[in-house]
Structure formats: structure tokens, C-alpha cells
């Protein structure tokens, strides 16, 4: 699809293959990939872009399946101009492109506890959008505010209330691109925080297929959650457990596999297509529903069109 695009100071790439930008290494091309130079470049571009042209903000592709036919839109991917991290007291401001792990480390070095971010794959933009969480803490517990550039090019401040955080989701305005966020953390001893993160990493590497091509957890845990996104401890079902009980640990389809190490991780074993990965995920959902009556919901975002379309 051809779009009439305004001039930019950043980079515009046409028919850009997205497989090289996703952790699962699958996906067709974006009609256009826009990498803005800075916030003003992003504002000017969105403000001048025809409102009928669809846009899709993309992070580092850690929790994403792009279908084999690609995306009929302008994909916006933030880079170096959006990855700054600064600390003021116990508040940490991070650009949307800053990696979650880097934010956790920088905060810890300054004596601020945002250690829950250390083992979350991806960048801050995705973490806020998905209300990412780990070890009982969620973005909803720490976010002070965020700034987004709206689809019409305005820079807008959003409160946690406006984002209406829920389990693994938020009410991000349609077409908006998150540019930075401010977090509040408790004070802590830098050495103790570093040791805690090392322990978290060790536990993750022991239990998850961190050396394989995955996109993090495939399905949300089928548990009860409060409106803030925290578990209410009424139901403590785990996605991996119901997948195991349905006999699907290690299940395969083409080059896709449900990891033998952790059955809620979808793996590209080397030559999987997006159709293999999504198809295996849907097969797992169907068989778990048949076996236990539990409906699993995707945590991985799937976007774009299948190849045959």
C-alpha cells in the first residue's frame, strides 16, 4: 500500500521486513517503518499524516508475532532519541525505547527499587502499555505518569487513572505513541538490589528457555486479578499447568514448539513461520478448552495479515 508521507528528520523505510525486528524472527514487511529523530519529529509527522493512514507503534518486538503477510500501516519504532534514563530522588524517568532491564539496573545503582523490571523482556513503552509485571509487582504499582504523542500529533500527559490499568492491559489512546514514563520506587541499598536482581536472573534462567527464540509468556495466567492488575489470590491457576495437564508440553507444528522446559513459552526452533507459531498457539488454546474447560487468552500480541491474504 502506498501512503503520501510528510517529510521527516528521522528515517523512513518502505517494505521493511519485520522478521529482523522481532524476538521470534518471523513476520512479513511493514508498508512503511518510521524511526523518528526525536519527539518533535514524531509530533510533526503524526500531525501532518493523513488521519486515514493506520499507524502501529512497535517496541523491540519481544512480545509480538507479526503475521507472514506483514502490516498494512506505518509502523513507528522509537530508537536512540527515546531511550534516556534519569533518576531524581526515588523517581525514575525512562524513555519508551529504554529496555526494562536497563531501567531496573540504573534505578538500583541509584538506590531505587524497580527490580521487578529486571527480568521483563522488552522496553518501557511495551511495559506500560501491557501493565507488565513480575514477582508480584506491576507497572500499575509504580507509574506516576506517562507522556504520549497522540495520533493527531499532540504531546499529552497521562495519569495512571487515565490508563485504567488491568491485568496485562491498559487503555492507551488509539494510535498514540508513548514516549516516556515516570516511575516511583522505594529506597533501597544498591548492593542488596543488585543481589536481588542476580537471584531473579538465576531463577529465570533455571526455569525458562532464555536461550531460545521466544516472545516471553504465550498466554495469560487464567487467574483472578484486581482492577490494578495485582493478583487477588482467589484463583492461582497457571497457564503452564493447564497446558501440561492437556499433554501439550513440547507440542510442535512446523518449526514451532511449546517449550519442553516451560510449556507456556512458544519457541521458534529455527524455521518457524508466523503461521506455525500462531497456529500452534490456537491449537493449544482449543485442546486446553476441551480438556479442562479453561479458555486461555493470548499474552503475545499478533498483528498483520496472513501470507495468503
Protein backbone atom coordinates (compact mmCIF):
# COMPACT_ATOMS: atom_id res chain seq x y z
CA UNK A 1 0.00 0.00 0.00
CA UNK A 2 1.34 3.45 -0.91
CA UNK A 3 0.97 6.36 1.51
CA UNK A 4 1.53 10.08 0.99
CA UNK A 5 4.08 10.76 3.72
CA UNK A 6 5.19 14.11 5.18
CA UNK A 7 8.91 14.98 5.34
CA UNK A 8 10.83 13.81 8.40
CA UNK A 9 14.21 14.24 10.06
CA UNK A 10 14.28 10.63 11.12
CA UNK A 11 14.29 7.58 8.90
CA UNK A 12 11.55 6.22 6.61
CA UNK A 13 11.92 2.69 5.19
CA UNK A 14 9.48 1.21 2.68
CA UNK A 15 8.55 -2.50 2.63
CA UNK A 16 10.72 -3.09 5.67
CA UNK A 17 10.92 -6.78 6.73
CA UNK A 18 9.85 -7.01 10.35
CA UNK A 19 11.20 -10.50 10.98
CA UNK A 20 14.59 -8.99 11.80
CA UNK A 21 12.98 -6.73 14.43
CA UNK A 22 11.02 -9.34 16.43
CA UNK A 23 12.41 -11.74 19.01
CA UNK A 24 10.69 -14.68 17.30
CA UNK A 25 12.31 -13.69 13.97
CA UNK A 26 9.14 -14.05 11.93
CA UNK A 27 6.87 -11.66 10.07
CA UNK A 28 6.31 -10.02 6.73
CA UNK A 29 7.10 -6.42 5.80
CA UNK A 30 5.67 -3.16 7.04
CA UNK A 31 4.45 -0.90 4.26
CA UNK A 32 6.48 1.83 5.96
CA UNK A 33 8.74 1.85 9.01
CA UNK A 34 9.26 5.27 10.61
CA UNK A 35 12.06 5.83 13.12
CA UNK A 36 11.67 9.41 14.39
CA UNK A 37 14.67 11.52 15.37
CA UNK A 38 13.00 12.94 18.48
CA UNK A 39 9.65 13.86 19.99
CA UNK A 40 9.24 16.94 17.79
CA UNK A 41 9.89 14.87 14.65
CA UNK A 42 7.26 12.36 15.78
CA UNK A 43 4.74 15.12 16.54
CA UNK A 44 5.24 16.81 13.18
CA UNK A 45 4.92 13.51 11.30
CA UNK A 46 1.72 12.37 13.01
CA UNK A 47 0.23 15.85 12.84
CA UNK A 48 0.74 16.02 9.07
CA UNK A 49 -0.05 12.38 8.25
CA UNK A 50 -3.43 11.70 6.66
CA UNK A 51 -5.72 10.62 9.54
CA UNK A 52 -6.92 7.72 7.40
CA UNK A 53 -3.45 6.16 7.35
CA UNK A 54 -3.18 3.48 10.06
CA UNK A 55 -0.20 3.53 12.41
CA UNK A 56 1.20 0.81 14.63
CA UNK A 57 3.65 1.65 17.45
CA UNK A 58 6.22 -1.13 17.85
CA UNK A 59 8.75 -1.66 20.60
CA UNK A 60 11.61 -4.14 20.42
CA UNK A 61 9.29 -6.93 19.25
CA UNK A 62 9.72 -9.02 22.39
CA UNK A 63 6.04 -9.84 22.87
CA UNK A 64 4.88 -9.87 19.27
CA UNK A 65 4.02 -12.12 16.36
CA UNK A 66 3.91 -10.26 13.05
CA UNK A 67 1.99 -12.40 10.60
CA UNK A 68 3.71 -13.55 7.41
CA UNK A 69 1.85 -11.14 5.14
CA UNK A 70 3.15 -8.13 7.06
CA UNK A 71 1.45 -4.96 8.26
CA UNK A 72 -0.52 -2.55 6.05
CA UNK A 73 0.34 0.52 8.08
CA UNK A 74 3.06 2.92 9.10
CA UNK A 75 4.96 1.11 11.84
CA UNK A 76 6.58 3.55 14.29
CA UNK A 77 9.63 2.31 16.14
CA UNK A 78 11.42 4.53 18.64
CA UNK A 79 15.19 4.42 18.94
CA UNK A 80 18.12 6.31 20.43
CA UNK A 81 16.31 9.61 20.87
CA UNK A 82 13.84 7.87 23.19
CA UNK A 83 15.97 5.64 25.44
CA UNK A 84 17.18 8.05 28.12
CA UNK A 85 17.03 7.16 31.82
CA UNK A 86 17.30 9.70 34.66
CA UNK A 87 16.84 9.47 38.44
CA UNK A 88 15.61 12.22 40.76
CA UNK A 89 15.30 11.04 44.34
CA UNK A 90 13.11 7.95 44.20
CA UNK A 91 11.56 8.85 40.84
CA UNK A 92 12.90 7.40 37.61
CA UNK A 93 12.09 8.84 34.18
CA UNK A 94 12.63 6.46 31.28
CA UNK A 95 12.19 6.86 27.56
CA UNK A 96 9.82 4.45 25.85
CA UNK A 97 12.70 2.77 23.99
CA UNK A 98 14.72 2.14 27.17
CA UNK A 99 14.96 -1.56 27.91
CA UNK A 100 13.17 -2.67 31.08
CA UNK A 101 16.34 -4.39 32.30
CA UNK A 102 18.41 -1.23 31.83
CA UNK A 103 15.89 0.84 33.78
CA UNK A 104 15.96 -1.65 36.66
CA UNK A 105 19.76 -1.59 36.76
CA UNK A 106 20.08 2.20 36.55
CA UNK A 107 17.48 2.63 39.27
CA UNK A 108 19.20 0.09 41.51
CA UNK A 109 22.55 1.83 41.10
CA UNK A 110 20.86 5.00 42.40
CA UNK A 111 19.24 3.13 45.31
CA UNK A 112 15.73 2.95 43.83
CA UNK A 113 13.85 -0.35 43.82
CA UNK A 114 12.36 -1.10 40.41
CA UNK A 115 13.82 -4.59 40.43
CA UNK A 116 10.59 -6.14 39.15
CA UNK A 117 11.53 -4.80 35.70
CA UNK A 118 14.85 -6.67 35.56
CA UNK A 119 13.60 -9.93 34.06
CA UNK A 120 10.79 -8.49 31.92
CA UNK A 121 11.74 -8.68 28.24
CA UNK A 122 11.18 -5.59 26.14
CA UNK A 123 11.11 -1.84 26.50
CA UNK A 124 9.30 0.66 28.71
CA UNK A 125 6.73 1.57 26.05
CA UNK A 126 5.50 -2.01 25.91
CA UNK A 127 5.75 -2.47 29.67
CA UNK A 128 3.42 0.48 30.31
CA UNK A 129 1.02 -0.46 27.53
CA UNK A 130 0.76 -4.06 28.77
CA UNK A 131 0.98 -3.29 32.52
CA UNK A 132 3.93 -5.65 32.69
CA UNK A 133 4.71 -7.28 35.99
CA UNK A 134 6.85 -9.83 37.75
CA UNK A 135 7.33 -11.14 41.30
CA UNK A 136 4.06 -9.60 42.46
CA UNK A 137 4.80 -6.05 41.24
CA UNK A 138 3.25 -4.37 38.22
CA UNK A 139 3.75 -1.14 36.31
CA UNK A 140 0.42 -0.07 37.83
CA UNK A 141 2.06 -0.16 41.28
CA UNK A 142 4.86 2.25 40.34
CA UNK A 143 3.78 4.51 37.49
CA UNK A 144 3.50 8.21 38.32
CA UNK A 145 2.64 9.36 34.81
CA UNK A 146 3.46 8.97 31.13
CA UNK A 147 3.63 11.13 28.03
CA UNK A 148 2.26 10.13 24.64
CA UNK A 149 2.10 11.71 21.22
CA UNK A 150 -1.49 11.31 20.05
CA UNK A 151 -2.48 10.28 16.54
CA UNK A 152 -3.01 13.95 15.63
CA UNK A 153 0.47 14.95 16.85
CA UNK A 154 -0.19 16.42 20.29
CA UNK A 155 2.04 15.71 23.28
CA UNK A 156 -0.23 14.69 26.15
CA UNK A 157 0.37 13.75 29.79
CA UNK A 158 -1.47 10.65 31.01
CA UNK A 159 -2.15 9.73 34.62
CA UNK A 160 -2.34 6.13 35.86
CA UNK A 161 -6.09 6.68 36.28
CA UNK A 162 -6.42 7.64 32.62
CA UNK A 163 -4.57 4.48 31.60
CA UNK A 164 -7.01 2.38 33.65
CA UNK A 165 -4.57 -0.46 34.24
CA UNK A 166 -5.86 -4.01 34.29
CA UNK A 167 -4.16 -7.39 34.15
CA UNK A 168 -1.76 -7.22 31.18
CA UNK A 169 -3.51 -4.25 29.58
CA UNK A 170 -4.18 -0.51 29.72
CA UNK A 171 -6.43 1.99 27.98
CA UNK A 172 -3.79 3.54 25.76
CA UNK A 173 -5.42 6.06 23.37
CA UNK A 174 -5.80 4.53 19.87
CA UNK A 175 -2.87 5.40 17.62
CA UNK A 176 -0.95 7.12 20.42
CA UNK A 177 2.80 6.58 20.76
CA UNK A 178 4.16 6.51 24.29
CA UNK A 179 7.41 8.49 24.52
CA UNK A 180 8.40 8.34 28.20
CA UNK A 181 7.18 7.42 31.67
CA UNK A 182 7.93 8.30 35.32
CA UNK A 183 8.10 5.60 37.99
CA UNK A 184 8.23 5.77 41.78
CA UNK A 185 10.28 3.18 43.62
CA UNK A 186 11.15 2.54 47.24
CA UNK A 187 14.60 3.40 48.52
CA UNK A 188 16.99 0.51 48.79
CA UNK A 189 20.64 -0.39 49.22
CA UNK A 190 22.24 -0.62 45.75
CA UNK A 191 24.19 -3.75 46.62
CA UNK A 192 21.14 -5.53 48.02
CA UNK A 193 19.08 -4.55 44.98
CA UNK A 194 21.81 -5.86 42.67
CA UNK A 195 21.94 -9.16 44.56
CA UNK A 196 18.16 -9.49 44.35
CA UNK A 197 18.25 -9.00 40.59
CA UNK A 198 21.02 -11.57 40.22
CA UNK A 199 18.88 -14.08 42.11
CA UNK A 200 15.91 -13.27 39.86
CA UNK A 201 18.01 -13.82 36.75
CA UNK A 202 19.32 -17.13 38.06
CA UNK A 203 15.81 -18.35 38.82
CA UNK A 204 14.58 -17.23 35.39
CA UNK A 205 17.41 -18.99 33.57
CA UNK A 206 16.77 -22.18 35.52
CA UNK A 207 13.06 -22.31 34.72
CA UNK A 208 12.63 -20.56 31.34
CA UNK A 209 14.06 -21.19 27.84
CA UNK A 210 16.08 -17.96 27.82
CA UNK A 211 18.49 -19.26 25.16
CA UNK A 212 15.70 -19.99 22.66
CA UNK A 213 13.76 -17.72 20.32
CA UNK A 214 10.63 -16.91 22.28
CA UNK A 215 8.37 -13.93 22.95
CA UNK A 216 8.01 -14.35 26.69
CA UNK A 217 4.88 -15.93 28.16
CA UNK A 218 2.49 -17.01 25.43
CA UNK A 219 -0.77 -16.96 27.40
CA UNK A 220 -2.00 -15.01 30.39
CA UNK A 221 -2.41 -16.97 33.58
CA UNK A 222 -6.12 -17.89 33.92
CA UNK A 223 -6.31 -16.33 37.38
CA UNK A 224 -8.41 -13.76 39.20
CA UNK A 225 -6.98 -10.22 39.21
CA UNK A 226 -7.94 -6.95 40.78
CA UNK A 227 -8.56 -3.79 38.78
CA UNK A 228 -5.00 -2.62 39.47
CA UNK A 229 -3.55 -5.69 37.81
CA UNK A 230 -2.45 -7.42 41.01
CA UNK A 231 -3.46 -10.98 41.77
CA UNK A 232 -6.34 -11.28 44.22
CA UNK A 233 -5.24 -14.79 45.22
CA UNK A 234 -8.72 -16.24 44.70
CA UNK A 235 -7.59 -18.41 41.81
CA UNK A 236 -3.98 -19.37 41.34
CA UNK A 237 -4.09 -21.31 38.09
CA UNK A 238 -1.01 -21.10 35.88
CA UNK A 239 -1.11 -21.31 32.12
CA UNK A 240 1.79 -23.76 32.02
CA UNK A 241 -0.06 -26.11 34.37
CA UNK A 242 -3.23 -26.38 32.31
CA UNK A 243 -1.11 -26.78 29.15
CA UNK A 244 0.80 -29.62 30.84
CA UNK A 245 -2.41 -31.27 32.01
CA UNK A 246 -3.67 -31.27 28.42
CA UNK A 247 -0.49 -33.11 27.39
CA UNK A 248 0.89 -30.27 25.27
CA UNK A 249 4.36 -29.67 26.73
CA UNK A 250 6.74 -30.00 23.77
CA UNK A 251 3.91 -29.97 21.20
CA UNK A 252 5.04 -28.95 17.71
CA UNK A 253 3.68 -27.51 14.49
CA UNK A 254 6.12 -26.91 11.65
CA UNK A 255 9.07 -25.09 13.19
CA UNK A 256 7.08 -24.00 16.25
CA UNK A 257 7.16 -25.75 19.63
CA UNK A 258 5.75 -25.34 23.11
CA UNK A 259 8.96 -25.36 25.09
CA UNK A 260 9.81 -28.63 26.88
CA UNK A 261 11.45 -26.50 29.60
CA UNK A 262 8.44 -24.24 30.23
CA UNK A 263 5.26 -25.10 28.38
CA UNK A 264 3.89 -21.54 28.33
CA UNK A 265 6.75 -20.44 26.06
CA UNK A 266 6.25 -20.65 22.30
CA UNK A 267 9.58 -21.32 20.57
CA UNK A 268 10.82 -20.81 17.03
CA UNK A 269 13.10 -23.85 16.74
CA UNK A 270 14.76 -22.40 13.65
CA UNK A 271 12.49 -22.31 10.63
CA UNK A 272 9.04 -21.50 12.00
CA UNK A 273 6.69 -19.16 10.18
CA UNK A 274 4.32 -16.82 11.96
CA UNK A 275 1.53 -19.14 10.81
CA UNK A 276 3.27 -22.09 12.53
CA UNK A 277 3.57 -20.16 15.78
CA UNK A 278 0.09 -18.71 15.85
CA UNK A 279 -1.41 -21.97 14.61
CA UNK A 280 0.25 -23.96 17.39
CA UNK A 281 -0.94 -21.42 19.93
CA UNK A 282 -4.51 -21.70 18.70
CA UNK A 283 -4.26 -25.49 18.78
CA UNK A 284 -3.12 -25.33 22.40
CA UNK A 285 -5.99 -23.00 23.29
CA UNK A 286 -8.51 -25.36 21.68
CA UNK A 287 -7.17 -28.51 23.34
CA UNK A 288 -6.90 -26.88 26.78
CA UNK A 289 -10.51 -25.74 26.47
CA UNK A 290 -11.58 -29.26 25.51
CA UNK A 291 -9.58 -30.84 28.33
CA UNK A 292 -10.32 -28.53 31.26
CA UNK A 293 -12.95 -26.04 30.11
CA UNK A 294 -10.44 -23.22 30.68
CA UNK A 295 -10.08 -20.61 27.94
CA UNK A 296 -6.53 -19.33 27.58
CA UNK A 297 -6.02 -15.79 26.36
CA UNK A 298 -3.01 -14.70 24.36
CA UNK A 299 -0.43 -12.56 26.10
CA UNK A 300 1.63 -12.28 22.91
CA UNK A 301 0.21 -9.66 20.54
CA UNK A 302 -0.50 -10.89 17.00
CA UNK A 303 -0.70 -8.28 14.25
CA UNK A 304 -0.73 -8.02 10.48
CA UNK A 305 -2.12 -10.23 7.74
CA UNK A 306 -1.56 -13.89 6.89
CA UNK A 307 0.53 -14.54 3.79
CA UNK A 308 -2.32 -15.92 1.68
CA UNK A 309 -4.20 -12.65 2.01
